[in-house]
PDB file of N, CA and C in Angstrom:
ATOM      1  N   MET A   1      95.136 108.702  62.625  1.00  0.00           N
ATOM      2  CA  MET A   1      95.735 107.637  63.417  1.00  0.00           C
ATOM      3  C   MET A   1      95.379 106.308  62.747  1.00  0.00           C
ATOM      4  N   ASP A   2      96.387 105.457  62.608  1.00  0.00           N
ATOM      5  CA  ASP A   2      96.144 104.186  61.932  1.00  0.00           C
ATOM      6  C   ASP A   2      95.514 103.154  62.875  1.00  0.00           C
ATOM      7  N   ALA A   3      94.985 102.108  62.289  1.00  0.00           N
ATOM      8  CA  ALA A   3      94.260 101.082  63.049  1.00  0.00           C
ATOM      9  C   ALA A   3      95.154 100.371  64.055  1.00  0.00           C
ATOM     10  N   GLN A   4      96.418 100.131  63.692  1.00  0.00           N
ATOM     11  CA  GLN A   4      97.322  99.439  64.604  1.00  0.00           C
ATOM     12  C   GLN A   4      97.557 100.266  65.868  1.00  0.00           C
ATOM     13  N   LYS A   5      97.691 101.571  65.723  1.00  0.00           N
ATOM     14  CA  LYS A   5      97.889 102.463  66.880  1.00  0.00           C
ATOM     15  C   LYS A   5      96.649 102.430  67.780  1.00  0.00           C
ATOM     16  N   ILE A   6      95.465 102.438  67.194  1.00  0.00           N
ATOM     17  CA  ILE A   6      94.225 102.399  67.968  1.00  0.00           C
ATOM     18  C   ILE A   6      94.114 101.089  68.743  1.00  0.00           C
ATOM     19  N   VAL A   7      94.442  99.989  68.102  1.00  0.00           N
ATOM     20  CA  VAL A   7      94.410  98.684  68.772  1.00  0.00           C
ATOM     21  C   VAL A   7      95.424  98.641  69.908  1.00  0.00           C
ATOM     22  N   THR A   8      96.607  99.196  69.697  1.00  0.00           N
ATOM     23  CA  THR A   8      97.635  99.235  70.733  1.00  0.00           C
ATOM     24  C   THR A   8      97.162 100.047  71.937  1.00  0.00           C
ATOM     25  N   ILE A   9      96.584 101.207  71.680  1.00  0.00           N
ATOM     26  CA  ILE A   9      96.084 102.058  72.762  1.00  0.00           C
ATOM     27  C   ILE A   9      94.991 101.326  73.544  1.00  0.00           C
ATOM     28  N   ALA A  10      94.064 100.692  72.836  1.00  0.00           N
ATOM     29  CA  ALA A  10      92.986  99.955  73.492  1.00  0.00           C
ATOM     30  C   ALA A  10      93.520  98.791  74.319  1.00  0.00           C
ATOM     31  N   ALA A  11      94.495  98.081  73.780  1.00  0.00           N
ATOM     32  CA  ALA A  11      95.079  96.938  74.491  1.00  0.00           C
ATOM     33  C   ALA A  11      95.807  97.386  75.750  1.00  0.00           C
ATOM     34  N   VAL A  12      96.603  98.438  75.629  1.00  0.00           N
ATOM     35  CA  VAL A  12      97.329  98.939  76.803  1.00  0.00           C
ATOM     36  C   VAL A  12      96.351  99.454  77.849  1.00  0.00           C
ATOM     37  N   SER A  13      95.294 100.124  77.428  1.00  0.00           N
ATOM     38  CA  SER A  13      94.272 100.610  78.359  1.00  0.00           C
ATOM     39  C   SER A  13      93.635  99.451  79.118  1.00  0.00           C
ATOM     40  N   GLY A  14      93.276  98.403  78.402  1.00  0.00           N
ATOM     41  CA  GLY A  14      92.643  97.243  79.032  1.00  0.00           C
ATOM     42  C   GLY A  14      93.566  96.517  79.991  1.00  0.00           C
ATOM     43  N   VAL A  15      94.795  96.321  79.581  1.00  0.00           N
ATOM     44  CA  VAL A  15      95.766  95.630  80.443  1.00  0.00           C
ATOM     45  C   VAL A  15      96.048  96.455  81.687  1.00  0.00           C
ATOM     46  N   THR A  16      96.217  97.753  81.525  1.00  0.00           N
ATOM     47  CA  THR A  16      96.488  98.623  82.665  1.00  0.00           C
ATOM     48  C   THR A  16      95.313  98.622  83.637  1.00  0.00           C
ATOM     49  N   ALA A  17      94.103  98.716  83.127  1.00  0.00           N
ATOM     50  CA  ALA A  17      92.918  98.696  83.990  1.00  0.00           C
ATOM     51  C   ALA A  17      92.809  97.365  84.729  1.00  0.00           C
ATOM     52  N   GLY A  18      93.015  96.271  84.011  1.00  0.00           N
ATOM     53  CA  GLY A  18      92.949  94.952  84.648  1.00  0.00           C
ATOM     54  C   GLY A  18      94.004  94.766  85.719  1.00  0.00           C
ATOM     55  N   ALA A  19      95.212  95.218  85.439  1.00  0.00           N
ATOM     56  CA  ALA A  19      96.297  95.097  86.419  1.00  0.00           C
ATOM     57  C   ALA A  19      95.988  95.914  87.670  1.00  0.00           C
ATOM     58  N   ALA A  20      95.430  97.089  87.486  1.00  0.00           N
ATOM     59  CA  ALA A  20      95.085  97.924  88.637  1.00  0.00           C
ATOM     60  C   ALA A  20      93.985  97.282  89.470  1.00  0.00           C
ATOM     61  N   LEU A  21      92.995  96.707  88.812  1.00  0.00           N
ATOM     62  CA  LEU A  21      91.895  96.061  89.544  1.00  0.00           C
ATOM     63  C   LEU A  21      92.368  94.837  90.318  1.00  0.00           C
ATOM     64  N   LEU A  22      93.252  94.062  89.709  1.00  0.00           N
ATOM     65  CA  LEU A  22      93.784  92.884  90.389  1.00  0.00           C
ATOM     66  C   LEU A  22      94.822  93.258  91.447  1.00  0.00           C
ATOM     67  N   GLY A  23      95.558  94.321  91.192  1.00  0.00           N
ATOM     68  CA  GLY A  23      96.632  94.714  92.094  1.00  0.00           C
ATOM     69  C   GLY A  23      96.202  95.495  93.312  1.00  0.00           C
ATOM     70  N   ALA A  24      95.083  96.206  93.232  1.00  0.00           N
ATOM     71  CA  ALA A  24      94.659  97.054  94.356  1.00  0.00           C
ATOM     72  C   ALA A  24      94.509  96.274  95.664  1.00  0.00           C
ATOM     73  N   PRO A  25      93.809  95.139  95.685  1.00  0.00           N
ATOM     74  CA  PRO A  25      93.697  94.399  96.942  1.00  0.00           C
ATOM     75  C   PRO A  25      95.046  93.876  97.446  1.00  0.00           C
ATOM     76  N   VAL A  26      95.917  93.512  96.534  1.00  0.00           N
ATOM     77  CA  VAL A  26      97.243  93.008  96.911  1.00  0.00           C
ATOM     78  C   VAL A  26      98.052  94.126  97.570  1.00  0.00           C
ATOM     79  N   VAL A  27      98.014  95.303  96.965  1.00  0.00           N
ATOM     80  CA  VAL A  27      98.755  96.442  97.509  1.00  0.00           C
ATOM     81  C   VAL A  27      98.186  96.842  98.869  1.00  0.00           C
ATOM     82  N   LEU A  28      96.868  96.894  98.991  1.00  0.00           N
ATOM     83  CA  LEU A  28      96.263  97.242 100.286  1.00  0.00           C
ATOM     84  C   LEU A  28      96.713  96.275 101.374  1.00  0.00           C
ATOM     85  N   GLY A  29      96.696  94.992 101.075  1.00  0.00           N
ATOM     86  CA  GLY A  29      97.136  93.992 102.046  1.00  0.00           C
ATOM     87  C   GLY A  29      98.610  94.133 102.375  1.00  0.00           C
ATOM     88  N   ALA A  30      99.414  94.417 101.367  1.00  0.00           N
ATOM     89  CA  ALA A  30     100.861  94.529 101.563  1.00  0.00           C
ATOM     90  C   ALA A  30     101.234  95.710 102.450  1.00  0.00           C
ATOM     91  N   ILE A  31     100.460  96.777 102.393  1.00  0.00           N
ATOM     92  CA  ILE A  31     100.790  97.930 103.239  1.00  0.00           C
ATOM     93  C   ILE A  31     100.087  97.894 104.590  1.00  0.00           C
ATOM     94  N   GLY A  32      99.270  96.851 104.823  1.00  0.00           N
ATOM     95  CA  GLY A  32      98.733  96.648 106.159  1.00  0.00           C
ATOM     96  C   GLY A  32      97.238  96.776 106.344  1.00  0.00           C
ATOM     97  N   PHE A  33      96.480  96.992 105.278  1.00  0.00           N
ATOM     98  CA  PHE A  33      95.021  97.044 105.389  1.00  0.00           C
ATOM     99  C   PHE A  33      94.479  95.639 105.135  1.00  0.00           C
ATOM    100  N   THR A  34      94.232  94.889 106.209  1.00  0.00           N
ATOM    101  CA  THR A  34      93.851  93.485 106.095  1.00  0.00           C
ATOM    102  C   THR A  34      92.406  93.270 106.509  1.00  0.00           C
ATOM    103  N   LYS A  35      91.902  92.056 106.275  1.00  0.00           N
ATOM    104  CA  LYS A  35      90.540  91.705 106.671  1.00  0.00           C
ATOM    105  C   LYS A  35      90.358  91.742 108.182  1.00  0.00           C
ATOM    106  N   ALA A  36      91.443  91.560 108.927  1.00  0.00           N
ATOM    107  CA  ALA A  36      91.389  91.587 110.392  1.00  0.00           C
ATOM    108  C   ALA A  36      91.610  92.988 110.950  1.00  0.00           C
ATOM    109  N   GLY A  37      91.814  93.971 110.099  1.00  0.00           N
ATOM    110  CA  GLY A  37      92.084  95.340 110.547  1.00  0.00           C
ATOM    111  C   GLY A  37      93.485  95.757 110.142  1.00  0.00           C
ATOM    112  N   VAL A  38      93.949  96.851 110.737  1.00  0.00           N
ATOM    113  CA  VAL A  38      95.278  97.361 110.421  1.00  0.00           C
ATOM    114  C   VAL A  38      96.317  96.433 111.048  1.00  0.00           C
ATOM    115  N   ALA A  39      97.264  95.968 110.255  1.00  0.00           N
ATOM    116  CA  ALA A  39      98.302  95.061 110.737  1.00  0.00           C
ATOM    117  C   ALA A  39      99.327  95.820 111.567  1.00  0.00           C
ATOM    118  N   ALA A  40      99.650  95.284 112.722  1.00  0.00           N
ATOM    119  CA  ALA A  40     100.633  95.903 113.615  1.00  0.00           C
ATOM    120  C   ALA A  40     101.991  95.999 112.924  1.00  0.00           C
ATOM    121  N   GLY A  41     102.654  97.141 113.085  1.00  0.00           N
ATOM    122  CA  GLY A  41     103.977  97.336 112.514  1.00  0.00           C
ATOM    123  C   GLY A  41     103.994  97.611 111.024  1.00  0.00           C
ATOM    124  N   SER A  42     102.847  97.782 110.416  1.00  0.00           N
ATOM    125  CA  SER A  42     102.775  97.998 108.967  1.00  0.00           C
ATOM    126  C   SER A  42     102.828  99.485 108.627  1.00  0.00           C
ATOM    127  N   ILE A  43     102.905  99.757 107.336  1.00  0.00           N
ATOM    128  CA  ILE A  43     102.849 101.139 106.855  1.00  0.00           C
ATOM    129  C   ILE A  43     101.513 101.762 107.266  1.00  0.00           C
ATOM    130  N   ALA A  44     100.443 100.994 107.161  1.00  0.00           N
ATOM    131  CA  ALA A  44      99.124 101.506 107.543  1.00  0.00           C
ATOM    132  C   ALA A  44      99.090 101.866 109.027  1.00  0.00           C
ATOM    133  N   ALA A  45      99.701 101.037 109.860  1.00  0.00           N
ATOM    134  CA  ALA A  45      99.728 101.315 111.300  1.00  0.00           C
ATOM    135  C   ALA A  45     100.514 102.597 111.584  1.00  0.00           C
ATOM    136  N   ALA A  46     101.598 102.812 110.851  1.00  0.00           N
ATOM    137  CA  ALA A  46     102.394 104.021 111.028  1.00  0.00           C
ATOM    138  C   ALA A  46     101.622 105.269 110.606  1.00  0.00           C
ATOM    139  N   ALA A  47     100.748 105.132 109.609  1.00  0.00           N
ATOM    140  CA  ALA A  47      99.978 106.268 109.112  1.00  0.00           C
ATOM    141  C   ALA A  47      98.718 106.541 109.922  1.00  0.00           C
ATOM    142  N   GLN A  48      98.310 105.568 110.718  1.00  0.00           N
ATOM    143  CA  GLN A  48      97.061 105.700 111.472  1.00  0.00           C
ATOM    144  C   GLN A  48      97.231 106.709 112.598  1.00  0.00           C
ATOM    145  N   GLY A  49      96.306 107.637 112.683  1.00  0.00           N
ATOM    146  CA  GLY A  49      96.311 108.629 113.759  1.00  0.00           C
ATOM    147  C   GLY A  49      95.417 108.185 114.893  1.00  0.00           C
ATOM    148  N   PRO A  50      95.351 108.984 115.960  1.00  0.00           N
ATOM    149  CA  PRO A  50      94.511 108.616 117.110  1.00  0.00           C
ATOM    150  C   PRO A  50      93.016 108.591 116.768  1.00  0.00           C
ATOM    151  N   ALA A  51      92.616 109.402 115.811  1.00  0.00           N
ATOM    152  CA  ALA A  51      91.221 109.426 115.376  1.00  0.00           C
ATOM    153  C   ALA A  51      91.203 109.458 113.851  1.00  0.00           C
ATOM    154  N   THR A  52      90.456 108.553 113.256  1.00  0.00           N
ATOM    155  CA  THR A  52      90.358 108.501 111.802  1.00  0.00           C
ATOM    156  C   THR A  52      89.015 109.072 111.387  1.00  0.00           C
ATOM    157  N   ALA A  53      89.050 110.112 110.588  1.00  0.00           N
ATOM    158  CA  ALA A  53      87.821 110.758 110.140  1.00  0.00           C
ATOM    159  C   ALA A  53      87.100 109.882 109.122  1.00  0.00           C
ATOM    160  N   ALA A  54      85.801 109.804 109.270  1.00  0.00           N
ATOM    161  CA  ALA A  54      84.986 109.063 108.307  1.00  0.00           C
ATOM    162  C   ALA A  54      85.155 109.682 106.927  1.00  0.00           C
ATOM    163  N   GLY A  55      85.317 108.845 105.927  1.00  0.00           N
ATOM    164  CA  GLY A  55      85.464 109.321 104.559  1.00  0.00           C
ATOM    165  C   GLY A  55      86.887 109.696 104.181  1.00  0.00           C
ATOM    166  N   SER A  56      87.818 109.624 105.132  1.00  0.00           N
ATOM    167  CA  SER A  56      89.213 109.940 104.821  1.00  0.00           C
ATOM    168  C   SER A  56      89.821 108.820 103.980  1.00  0.00           C
ATOM    169  N   LEU A  57      90.962 109.092 103.365  1.00  0.00           N
ATOM    170  CA  LEU A  57      91.634 108.080 102.557  1.00  0.00           C
ATOM    171  C   LEU A  57      91.970 106.863 103.404  1.00  0.00           C
ATOM    172  N   PHE A  58      92.424 107.093 104.633  1.00  0.00           N
ATOM    173  CA  PHE A  58      92.751 105.980 105.517  1.00  0.00           C
ATOM    174  C   PHE A  58      91.507 105.124 105.779  1.00  0.00           C
ATOM    175  N   ALA A  59      90.388 105.757 106.070  1.00  0.00           N
ATOM    176  CA  ALA A  59      89.145 105.022 106.341  1.00  0.00           C
ATOM    177  C   ALA A  59      88.688 104.239 105.119  1.00  0.00           C
ATOM    178  N   LEU A  60      88.813 104.837 103.951  1.00  0.00           N
ATOM    179  CA  LEU A  60      88.410 104.147 102.722  1.00  0.00           C
ATOM    180  C   LEU A  60      89.311 102.942 102.449  1.00  0.00           C
ATOM    181  N   CYS A  61      90.622 103.098 102.679  1.00  0.00           N
ATOM    182  CA  CYS A  61      91.546 101.978 102.479  1.00  0.00           C
ATOM    183  C   CYS A  61      91.249 100.855 103.468  1.00  0.00           C
ATOM    184  N   GLN A  62      90.966 101.218 104.721  1.00  0.00           N
ATOM    185  CA  GLN A  62      90.659 100.189 105.716  1.00  0.00           C
ATOM    186  C   GLN A  62      89.361  99.468 105.373  1.00  0.00           C
ATOM    187  N   SER A  63      88.374 100.214 104.928  1.00  0.00           N
ATOM    188  CA  SER A  63      87.114  99.600 104.521  1.00  0.00           C
ATOM    189  C   SER A  63      87.328  98.628 103.368  1.00  0.00           C
ATOM    190  N   ALA A  64      88.127  99.036 102.389  1.00  0.00           N
ATOM    191  CA  ALA A  64      88.421  98.151 101.257  1.00  0.00           C
ATOM    192  C   ALA A  64      89.222  96.942 101.699  1.00  0.00           C
ATOM    193  N   GLY A  65      90.107  97.111 102.668  1.00  0.00           N
ATOM    194  CA  GLY A  65      90.891  95.991 103.176  1.00  0.00           C
ATOM    195  C   GLY A  65      90.032  94.968 103.896  1.00  0.00           C
ATOM    196  N   VAL A  66      89.034  95.446 104.640  1.00  0.00           N
ATOM    197  CA  VAL A  66      88.168  94.548 105.408  1.00  0.00           C
ATOM    198  C   VAL A  66      87.059  93.955 104.543  1.00  0.00           C
ATOM    199  N   LEU A  67      86.375  94.794 103.801  1.00  0.00           N
ATOM    200  CA  LEU A  67      85.186  94.366 103.062  1.00  0.00           C
ATOM    201  C   LEU A  67      85.439  94.033 101.597  1.00  0.00           C
ATOM    202  N   GLY A  68      86.578  94.423 101.089  1.00  0.00           N
ATOM    203  CA  GLY A  68      86.830  94.292  99.657  1.00  0.00           C
ATOM    204  C   GLY A  68      86.490  95.601  98.975  1.00  0.00           C
ATOM    205  N   THR A  69      86.876  95.719  97.751  1.00  0.00           N
ATOM    206  CA  THR A  69      86.686  96.958  97.012  1.00  0.00           C
ATOM    207  C   THR A  69      85.272  97.010  96.447  1.00  0.00           C
ATOM    208  N   ALA A  70      84.601  98.131  96.670  1.00  0.00           N
ATOM    209  CA  ALA A  70      83.232  98.319  96.191  1.00  0.00           C
ATOM    210  C   ALA A  70      83.211  98.446  94.666  1.00  0.00           C
ATOM    211  N   VAL A  71      82.086  98.168  94.075  1.00  0.00           N
ATOM    212  CA  VAL A  71      81.940  98.223  92.618  1.00  0.00           C
ATOM    213  C   VAL A  71      82.259  99.616  92.087  1.00  0.00           C
ATOM    214  N   GLY A  72      81.774 100.644  92.760  1.00  0.00           N
ATOM    215  CA  GLY A  72      82.057 102.016  92.322  1.00  0.00           C
ATOM    216  C   GLY A  72      83.535 102.333  92.379  1.00  0.00           C
ATOM    217  N   THR A  73      84.191 101.860  93.424  1.00  0.00           N
ATOM    218  CA  THR A  73      85.635 102.078  93.565  1.00  0.00           C
ATOM    219  C   THR A  73      86.381 101.333  92.470  1.00  0.00           C
ATOM    220  N   LYS A  74      85.944 100.121  92.161  1.00  0.00           N
ATOM    221  CA  LYS A  74      86.569  99.359  91.081  1.00  0.00           C
ATOM    222  C   LYS A  74      86.425 100.099  89.753  1.00  0.00           C
ATOM    223  N   ALA A  75      85.268 100.705  89.535  1.00  0.00           N
ATOM    224  CA  ALA A  75      85.055 101.451  88.294  1.00  0.00           C
ATOM    225  C   ALA A  75      85.994 102.649  88.208  1.00  0.00           C
ATOM    226  N   ILE A  76      86.188 103.336  89.329  1.00  0.00           N
ATOM    227  CA  ILE A  76      87.088 104.492  89.350  1.00  0.00           C
ATOM    228  C   ILE A  76      88.531 104.050  89.124  1.00  0.00           C
ATOM    229  N   ILE A  77      88.951 103.001  89.832  1.00  0.00           N
ATOM    230  CA  ILE A  77      90.326 102.500  89.686  1.00  0.00           C
ATOM    231  C   ILE A  77      90.581 102.049  88.247  1.00  0.00           C
ATOM    232  N   GLY A  78      89.672 101.227  87.715  1.00  0.00           N
ATOM    233  CA  GLY A  78      89.837 100.725  86.351  1.00  0.00           C
ATOM    234  C   GLY A  78      89.807 101.833  85.316  1.00  0.00           C
ATOM    235  N   GLY A  79      88.884 102.766  85.482  1.00  0.00           N
ATOM    236  CA  GLY A  79      88.781 103.882  84.535  1.00  0.00           C
ATOM    237  C   GLY A  79      90.008 104.777  84.557  1.00  0.00           C
ATOM    238  N   ALA A  80      90.465 105.105  85.762  1.00  0.00           N
ATOM    239  CA  ALA A  80      91.643 105.973  85.885  1.00  0.00           C
ATOM    240  C   ALA A  80      92.887 105.287  85.338  1.00  0.00           C
ATOM    241  N   ALA A  81      93.094 104.037  85.717  1.00  0.00           N
ATOM    242  CA  ALA A  81      94.280 103.312  85.249  1.00  0.00           C
ATOM    243  C   ALA A  81      94.230 103.103  83.737  1.00  0.00           C
ATOM    244  N   GLY A  82      93.068 102.760  83.214  1.00  0.00           N
ATOM    245  CA  GLY A  82      92.923 102.581  81.771  1.00  0.00           C
ATOM    246  C   GLY A  82      93.176 103.862  80.992  1.00  0.00           C
ATOM    247  N   THR A  83      92.713 104.974  81.542  1.00  0.00           N
ATOM    248  CA  THR A  83      92.937 106.275  80.903  1.00  0.00           C
ATOM    249  C   THR A  83      94.412 106.623  80.880  1.00  0.00           C
ATOM    250  N   VAL A  84      95.083 106.424  82.012  1.00  0.00           N
ATOM    251  CA  VAL A  84      96.517 106.708  82.082  1.00  0.00           C
ATOM    252  C   VAL A  84      97.282 105.788  81.123  1.00  0.00           C
ATOM    253  N   GLY A  85      96.964 104.503  81.128  1.00  0.00           N
ATOM    254  CA  GLY A  85      97.629 103.567  80.236  1.00  0.00           C
ATOM    255  C   GLY A  85      97.419 103.921  78.770  1.00  0.00           C
ATOM    256  N   GLY A  86      96.201 104.286  78.422  1.00  0.00           N
ATOM    257  CA  GLY A  86      95.903 104.679  77.048  1.00  0.00           C
ATOM    258  C   GLY A  86      96.617 105.954  76.644  1.00  0.00           C
ATOM    259  N   ALA A  87      96.694 106.903  77.569  1.00  0.00           N
ATOM    260  CA  ALA A  87      97.380 108.165  77.278  1.00  0.00           C
ATOM    261  C   ALA A  87      98.873 107.924  77.047  1.00  0.00           C
ATOM    262  N   VAL A  88      99.465 107.084  77.892  1.00  0.00           N
ATOM    263  CA  VAL A  88     100.883 106.763  77.719  1.00  0.00           C
ATOM    264  C   VAL A  88     101.106 106.061  76.380  1.00  0.00           C
ATOM    265  N   ALA A  89     100.222 105.128  76.041  1.00  0.00           N
ATOM    266  CA  ALA A  89     100.356 104.418  74.764  1.00  0.00           C
ATOM    267  C   ALA A  89     100.198 105.363  73.584  1.00  0.00           C
ATOM    268  N   ALA A  90      99.314 106.353  73.711  1.00  0.00           N
ATOM    269  CA  ALA A  90      99.104 107.294  72.614  1.00  0.00           C
ATOM    270  C   ALA A  90     100.305 108.213  72.415  1.00  0.00           C
ATOM    271  N   ILE A  91     100.991 108.537  73.507  1.00  0.00           N
ATOM    272  CA  ILE A  91     102.136 109.432  73.439  1.00  0.00           C
ATOM    273  C   ILE A  91     103.401 108.694  73.018  1.00  0.00           C
ATOM    274  N   TRP A  92     103.503 107.425  73.459  1.00  0.00           N
ATOM    275  CA  TRP A  92     104.701 106.619  73.208  1.00  0.00           C
ATOM    276  C   TRP A  92     104.946 106.460  71.712  1.00  0.00           C
ATOM    277  N   LYS A  93     106.175 106.592  71.321  1.00  0.00           N
ATOM    278  CA  LYS A  93     106.482 106.480  69.884  1.00  0.00           C
ATOM    279  C   LYS A  93     107.324 105.297  69.607  1.00  0.00           C
TER     280      LYS A  93
END
């Protein structure tokens, strides 16, 4: 693999990870996970059941909406998005 391809893969990985980290709070807010709780009439409100189990995806999204995204969660989001972006860049011709 030539140096230009490696630089391209690294750049796409970094941009993808950064976009995911910046976009996650925006997306959570847009679907209804806000600092004040679940927004009435939102996608989140439609998905909310009568009882939310601790540790469920809904509970984690609500926690991130209220408190912000935890460092560990940011690492997972950035790592996963960067890996996907890098893989796409490596395959793209």
